[in-house]
């Protein structure tokens, strides 16, 4: 989506099995963009049980200007 001034809105999606891996991936990405270009971060945790163990999925969506 192009905004006035030629900036594009973009999303970056992260999906990890461990919360610390998600944190590391997000922090690495945030180092590549300017703070003023960050619009929003949305975070979610999903769980599933497969009769042997409980599985977690940690995900985040970052909306930013490019």
PDB file of N, CA and C in Angstrom:
ATOM      1  N   UNK A   1       0.845  -1.169   0.000  1.00  0.00           N
ATOM      2  CA  UNK A   1       0.000   0.000   0.000  1.00  0.00           C
ATOM      3  C   UNK A   1       0.895   1.237   0.000  1.00  0.00           C
ATOM      4  N   UNK A   2       0.729   2.083  -0.969  1.00  0.00           N
ATOM      5  CA  UNK A   2       1.542   3.290  -1.070  1.00  0.00           C
ATOM      6  C   UNK A   2       0.819   4.449  -0.403  1.00  0.00           C
ATOM      7  N   UNK A   3       1.562   5.169   0.435  1.00  0.00           N
ATOM      8  CA  UNK A   3       1.007   6.341   1.096  1.00  0.00           C
ATOM      9  C   UNK A   3       1.543   7.601   0.435  1.00  0.00           C
ATOM     10  N   UNK A   4       1.006   8.743   0.846  1.00  0.00           N
ATOM     11  CA  UNK A   4       1.539  10.016   0.376  1.00  0.00           C
ATOM     12  C   UNK A   4       2.998  10.106   0.787  1.00  0.00           C
ATOM     13  N   UNK A   5       3.818  10.634  -0.085  1.00  0.00           N
ATOM     14  CA  UNK A   5       5.237  10.751   0.206  1.00  0.00           C
ATOM     15  C   UNK A   5       6.038   9.559  -0.284  1.00  0.00           C
ATOM     16  N   UNK A   6       5.378   8.572  -0.900  1.00  0.00           N
ATOM     17  CA  UNK A   6       6.086   7.458  -1.491  1.00  0.00           C
ATOM     18  C   UNK A   6       6.446   6.317  -0.562  1.00  0.00           C
ATOM     19  N   UNK A   7       5.957   6.320   0.665  1.00  0.00           N
ATOM     20  CA  UNK A   7       6.270   5.234   1.589  1.00  0.00           C
ATOM     21  C   UNK A   7       5.300   4.077   1.401  1.00  0.00           C
ATOM     22  N   UNK A   8       5.800   2.876   1.532  1.00  0.00           N
ATOM     23  CA  UNK A   8       4.967   1.688   1.435  1.00  0.00           C
ATOM     24  C   UNK A   8       4.749   1.100   2.817  1.00  0.00           C
ATOM     25  N   UNK A   9       3.527   0.651   3.077  1.00  0.00           N
ATOM     26  CA  UNK A   9       3.253  -0.089   4.304  1.00  0.00           C
ATOM     27  C   UNK A   9       3.550  -1.553   4.037  1.00  0.00           C
ATOM     28  N   UNK A  10       4.258  -2.180   4.960  1.00  0.00           N
ATOM     29  CA  UNK A  10       4.598  -3.588   4.815  1.00  0.00           C
ATOM     30  C   UNK A  10       4.352  -4.309   6.126  1.00  0.00           C
ATOM     31  N   UNK A  11       4.264  -5.632   6.041  1.00  0.00           N
ATOM     32  CA  UNK A  11       4.169  -6.465   7.236  1.00  0.00           C
ATOM     33  C   UNK A  11       5.318  -7.466   7.232  1.00  0.00           C
ATOM     34  N   UNK A  12       5.739  -7.816   8.414  1.00  0.00           N
ATOM     35  CA  UNK A  12       6.732  -8.871   8.604  1.00  0.00           C
ATOM     36  C   UNK A  12       6.133  -9.819   9.633  1.00  0.00           C
ATOM     37  N   UNK A  13       6.089 -11.111   9.300  1.00  0.00           N
ATOM     38  CA  UNK A  13       5.473 -12.111  10.168  1.00  0.00           C
ATOM     39  C   UNK A  13       6.551 -13.032  10.715  1.00  0.00           C
ATOM     40  N   UNK A  14       6.471 -13.278  12.005  1.00  0.00           N
ATOM     41  CA  UNK A  14       7.403 -14.166  12.696  1.00  0.00           C
ATOM     42  C   UNK A  14       6.613 -15.294  13.334  1.00  0.00           C
ATOM     43  N   UNK A  15       7.184 -16.502  13.316  1.00  0.00           N
ATOM     44  CA  UNK A  15       6.532 -17.676  13.902  1.00  0.00           C
ATOM     45  C   UNK A  15       7.619 -18.583  14.467  1.00  0.00           C
ATOM     46  N   UNK A  16       7.600 -18.798  15.769  1.00  0.00           N
ATOM     47  CA  UNK A  16       8.645 -19.588  16.425  1.00  0.00           C
ATOM     48  C   UNK A  16       8.029 -20.553  17.433  1.00  0.00           C
ATOM     49  N   UNK A  17       8.763 -21.597  17.736  1.00  0.00           N
ATOM     50  CA  UNK A  17       8.315 -22.590  18.718  1.00  0.00           C
ATOM     51  C   UNK A  17       8.665 -22.201  20.148  1.00  0.00           C
ATOM     52  N   UNK A  18       9.626 -21.296  20.291  1.00  0.00           N
ATOM     53  CA  UNK A  18      10.062 -20.867  21.621  1.00  0.00           C
ATOM     54  C   UNK A  18      10.008 -19.347  21.706  1.00  0.00           C
ATOM     55  N   UNK A  19       9.539 -18.838  22.842  1.00  0.00           N
ATOM     56  CA  UNK A  19       9.372 -17.392  22.991  1.00  0.00           C
ATOM     57  C   UNK A  19      10.696 -16.635  22.887  1.00  0.00           C
ATOM     58  N   UNK A  20      11.788 -17.207  23.359  1.00  0.00           N
ATOM     59  CA  UNK A  20      13.077 -16.517  23.259  1.00  0.00           C
ATOM     60  C   UNK A  20      13.563 -16.431  21.814  1.00  0.00           C
ATOM     61  N   UNK A  21      13.241 -17.435  21.001  1.00  0.00           N
ATOM     62  CA  UNK A  21      13.577 -17.375  19.573  1.00  0.00           C
ATOM     63  C   UNK A  21      12.792 -16.265  18.885  1.00  0.00           C
ATOM     64  N   UNK A  22      11.527 -16.120  19.264  1.00  0.00           N
ATOM     65  CA  UNK A  22      10.702 -15.048  18.696  1.00  0.00           C
ATOM     66  C   UNK A  22      11.268 -13.689  19.096  1.00  0.00           C
ATOM     67  N   UNK A  23      11.608 -13.546  20.357  1.00  0.00           N
ATOM     68  CA  UNK A  23      12.178 -12.290  20.840  1.00  0.00           C
ATOM     69  C   UNK A  23      13.449 -11.927  20.069  1.00  0.00           C
ATOM     70  N   UNK A  24      14.314 -12.894  19.878  1.00  0.00           N
ATOM     71  CA  UNK A  24      15.567 -12.658  19.156  1.00  0.00           C
ATOM     72  C   UNK A  24      15.304 -12.264  17.703  1.00  0.00           C
ATOM     73  N   UNK A  25      14.394 -12.961  17.040  1.00  0.00           N
ATOM     74  CA  UNK A  25      14.077 -12.654  15.637  1.00  0.00           C
ATOM     75  C   UNK A  25      13.492 -11.251  15.494  1.00  0.00           C
ATOM     76  N   UNK A  26      12.597 -10.883  16.399  1.00  0.00           N
ATOM     77  CA  UNK A  26      11.993  -9.549  16.343  1.00  0.00           C
ATOM     78  C   UNK A  26      13.047  -8.479  16.591  1.00  0.00           C
ATOM     79  N   UNK A  27      13.880  -8.673  17.608  1.00  0.00           N
ATOM     80  CA  UNK A  27      14.914  -7.681  17.907  1.00  0.00           C
ATOM     81  C   UNK A  27      15.884  -7.509  16.745  1.00  0.00           C
ATOM     82  N   UNK A  28      16.252  -8.598  16.086  1.00  0.00           N
ATOM     83  CA  UNK A  28      17.133  -8.500  14.918  1.00  0.00           C
ATOM     84  C   UNK A  28      16.472  -7.694  13.804  1.00  0.00           C
ATOM     85  N   UNK A  29      15.171  -7.935  13.573  1.00  0.00           N
ATOM     86  CA  UNK A  29      14.464  -7.183  12.535  1.00  0.00           C
ATOM     87  C   UNK A  29      14.353  -5.705  12.903  1.00  0.00           C
ATOM     88  N   UNK A  30      14.026  -5.417  14.164  1.00  0.00           N
ATOM     89  CA  UNK A  30      13.859  -4.025  14.583  1.00  0.00           C
ATOM     90  C   UNK A  30      15.143  -3.216  14.425  1.00  0.00           C
ATOM     91  N   UNK A  31      16.282  -3.875  14.490  1.00  0.00           N
ATOM     92  CA  UNK A  31      17.555  -3.183  14.278  1.00  0.00           C
ATOM     93  C   UNK A  31      17.722  -2.718  12.833  1.00  0.00           C
ATOM     94  N   UNK A  32      16.925  -3.262  11.920  1.00  0.00           N
ATOM     95  CA  UNK A  32      17.065  -2.923  10.498  1.00  0.00           C
ATOM     96  C   UNK A  32      16.149  -1.786  10.055  1.00  0.00           C
ATOM     97  N   UNK A  33      15.237  -1.344  10.925  1.00  0.00           N
ATOM     98  CA  UNK A  33      14.316  -0.265  10.544  1.00  0.00           C
ATOM     99  C   UNK A  33      14.460   0.902  11.518  1.00  0.00           C
ATOM    100  N   UNK A  34      14.046   2.068  11.061  1.00  0.00           N
ATOM    101  CA  UNK A  34      14.049   3.261  11.907  1.00  0.00           C
ATOM    102  C   UNK A  34      12.856   3.202  12.865  1.00  0.00           C
ATOM    103  N   UNK A  35      13.046   3.733  14.058  1.00  0.00           N
ATOM    104  CA  UNK A  35      11.963   3.733  15.049  1.00  0.00           C
ATOM    105  C   UNK A  35      10.720   4.445  14.517  1.00  0.00           C
ATOM    106  N   UNK A  36      10.912   5.516  13.764  1.00  0.00           N
ATOM    107  CA  UNK A  36       9.776   6.276  13.230  1.00  0.00           C
ATOM    108  C   UNK A  36       8.962   5.471  12.211  1.00  0.00           C
ATOM    109  N   UNK A  37       9.562   4.415  11.643  1.00  0.00           N
ATOM    110  CA  UNK A  37       8.876   3.603  10.642  1.00  0.00           C
ATOM    111  C   UNK A  37       8.056   2.464  11.248  1.00  0.00           C
ATOM    112  N   UNK A  38       8.250   2.196  12.521  1.00  0.00           N
ATOM    113  CA  UNK A  38       7.483   1.153  13.201  1.00  0.00           C
ATOM    114  C   UNK A  38       6.083   1.674  13.507  1.00  0.00           C
ATOM    115  N   UNK A  39       5.071   0.935  13.075  1.00  0.00           N
ATOM    116  CA  UNK A  39       3.687   1.344  13.315  1.00  0.00           C
ATOM    117  C   UNK A  39       3.070   0.532  14.444  1.00  0.00           C
ATOM    118  N   UNK A  40       3.201  -0.798  14.371  1.00  0.00           N
ATOM    119  CA  UNK A  40       2.522  -1.636  15.359  1.00  0.00           C
ATOM    120  C   UNK A  40       3.141  -3.032  15.388  1.00  0.00           C
ATOM    121  N   UNK A  41       3.109  -3.643  16.579  1.00  0.00           N
ATOM    122  CA  UNK A  41       3.495  -5.043  16.737  1.00  0.00           C
ATOM    123  C   UNK A  41       2.317  -5.772  17.367  1.00  0.00           C
ATOM    124  N   UNK A  42       1.890  -6.849  16.739  1.00  0.00           N
ATOM    125  CA  UNK A  42       0.819  -7.698  17.288  1.00  0.00           C
ATOM    126  C   UNK A  42       1.413  -9.053  17.637  1.00  0.00           C
ATOM    127  N   UNK A  43       1.020  -9.581  18.779  1.00  0.00           N
ATOM    128  CA  UNK A  43       1.621 -10.794  19.330  1.00  0.00           C
ATOM    129  C   UNK A  43       0.526 -11.806  19.646  1.00  0.00           C
ATOM    130  N   UNK A  44       0.807 -13.082  19.415  1.00  0.00           N
ATOM    131  CA  UNK A  44      -0.172 -14.131  19.728  1.00  0.00           C
ATOM    132  C   UNK A  44       0.553 -15.404  20.149  1.00  0.00           C
ATOM    133  N   UNK A  45      -0.121 -16.171  20.998  1.00  0.00           N
ATOM    134  CA  UNK A  45       0.373 -17.487  21.408  1.00  0.00           C
ATOM    135  C   UNK A  45      -0.734 -18.490  21.140  1.00  0.00           C
ATOM    136  N   UNK A  46      -0.389 -19.583  20.486  1.00  0.00           N
ATOM    137  CA  UNK A  46      -1.340 -20.669  20.236  1.00  0.00           C
ATOM    138  C   UNK A  46      -0.794 -21.935  20.874  1.00  0.00           C
ATOM    139  N   UNK A  47      -1.703 -22.786  21.332  1.00  0.00           N
ATOM    140  CA  UNK A  47      -1.278 -24.063  21.909  1.00  0.00           C
ATOM    141  C   UNK A  47      -2.066 -25.199  21.274  1.00  0.00           C
ATOM    142  N   UNK A  48      -1.415 -26.360  21.240  1.00  0.00           N
ATOM    143  CA  UNK A  48      -2.063 -27.557  20.716  1.00  0.00           C
ATOM    144  C   UNK A  48      -1.574 -28.741  21.537  1.00  0.00           C
ATOM    145  N   UNK A  49      -2.447 -29.656  21.802  1.00  0.00           N
ATOM    146  CA  UNK A  49      -2.077 -30.854  22.540  1.00  0.00           C
ATOM    147  C   UNK A  49      -2.247 -32.045  21.610  1.00  0.00           C
ATOM    148  N   UNK A  50      -1.200 -32.872  21.464  1.00  0.00           N
ATOM    149  CA  UNK A  50      -1.268 -34.014  20.548  1.00  0.00           C
ATOM    150  C   UNK A  50      -1.242 -35.358  21.286  1.00  0.00           C
ATOM    151  N   UNK A  51      -1.769 -35.397  22.486  1.00  0.00           N
ATOM    152  CA  UNK A  51      -1.852 -36.594  23.335  1.00  0.00           C
ATOM    153  C   UNK A  51      -0.503 -37.041  23.891  1.00  0.00           C
ATOM    154  N   UNK A  52       0.574 -36.372  23.519  1.00  0.00           N
ATOM    155  CA  UNK A  52       1.894 -36.676  24.067  1.00  0.00           C
ATOM    156  C   UNK A  52       2.486 -35.463  24.767  1.00  0.00           C
ATOM    157  N   UNK A  53       2.289 -34.313  24.148  1.00  0.00           N
ATOM    158  CA  UNK A  53       2.856 -33.089  24.697  1.00  0.00           C
ATOM    159  C   UNK A  53       2.040 -31.887  24.244  1.00  0.00           C
ATOM    160  N   UNK A  54       2.223 -30.796  24.947  1.00  0.00           N
ATOM    161  CA  UNK A  54       1.581 -29.555  24.569  1.00  0.00           C
ATOM    162  C   UNK A  54       2.567 -28.765  23.708  1.00  0.00           C
ATOM    163  N   UNK A  55       2.093 -28.294  22.573  1.00  0.00           N
ATOM    164  CA  UNK A  55       2.935 -27.579  21.617  1.00  0.00           C
ATOM    165  C   UNK A  55       2.518 -26.108  21.610  1.00  0.00           C
ATOM    166  N   UNK A  56       3.508 -25.239  21.676  1.00  0.00           N
ATOM    167  CA  UNK A  56       3.261 -23.800  21.665  1.00  0.00           C
ATOM    168  C   UNK A  56       3.739 -23.207  20.349  1.00  0.00           C
ATOM    169  N   UNK A  57       3.030 -22.204  19.892  1.00  0.00           N
ATOM    170  CA  UNK A  57       3.428 -21.449  18.710  1.00  0.00           C
ATOM    171  C   UNK A  57       3.365 -19.967  19.082  1.00  0.00           C
ATOM    172  N   UNK A  58       4.504 -19.310  19.025  1.00  0.00           N
ATOM    173  CA  UNK A  58       4.600 -17.889  19.346  1.00  0.00           C
ATOM    174  C   UNK A  58       4.739 -17.130  18.035  1.00  0.00           C
ATOM    175  N   UNK A  59       3.863 -16.159  17.817  1.00  0.00           N
ATOM    176  CA  UNK A  59       3.922 -15.427  16.555  1.00  0.00           C
ATOM    177  C   UNK A  59       3.735 -13.934  16.782  1.00  0.00           C
ATOM    178  N   UNK A  60       4.240 -13.181  15.822  1.00  0.00           N
ATOM    179  CA  UNK A  60       4.109 -11.733  15.868  1.00  0.00           C
ATOM    180  C   UNK A  60       4.017 -11.199  14.448  1.00  0.00           C
ATOM    181  N   UNK A  61       3.286 -10.118  14.314  1.00  0.00           N
ATOM    182  CA  UNK A  61       3.168  -9.403  13.050  1.00  0.00           C
ATOM    183  C   UNK A  61       3.623  -7.975  13.306  1.00  0.00           C
ATOM    184  N   UNK A  62       4.529  -7.501  12.480  1.00  0.00           N
ATOM    185  CA  UNK A  62       5.013  -6.129  12.601  1.00  0.00           C
ATOM    186  C   UNK A  62       4.554  -5.353  11.376  1.00  0.00           C
ATOM    187  N   UNK A  63       3.868  -4.246  11.604  1.00  0.00           N
ATOM    188  CA  UNK A  63       3.447  -3.334  10.544  1.00  0.00           C
ATOM    189  C   UNK A  63       4.419  -2.158  10.556  1.00  0.00           C
ATOM    190  N   UNK A  64       5.010  -1.874   9.383  1.00  0.00           N
ATOM    191  CA  UNK A  64       6.019  -0.820   9.324  1.00  0.00           C
ATOM    192  C   UNK A  64       6.003  -0.128   7.967  1.00  0.00           C
ATOM    193  N   UNK A  65       6.654   1.031   7.919  1.00  0.00           N
ATOM    194  CA  UNK A  65       6.797   1.779   6.667  1.00  0.00           C
ATOM    195  C   UNK A  65       8.132   1.420   6.028  1.00  0.00           C
ATOM    196  N   UNK A  66       8.111   1.280   4.724  1.00  0.00           N
ATOM    197  CA  UNK A  66       9.344   0.970   3.994  1.00  0.00           C
ATOM    198  C   UNK A  66       9.692   2.104   3.047  1.00  0.00           C
TER     199      UNK A  66
END
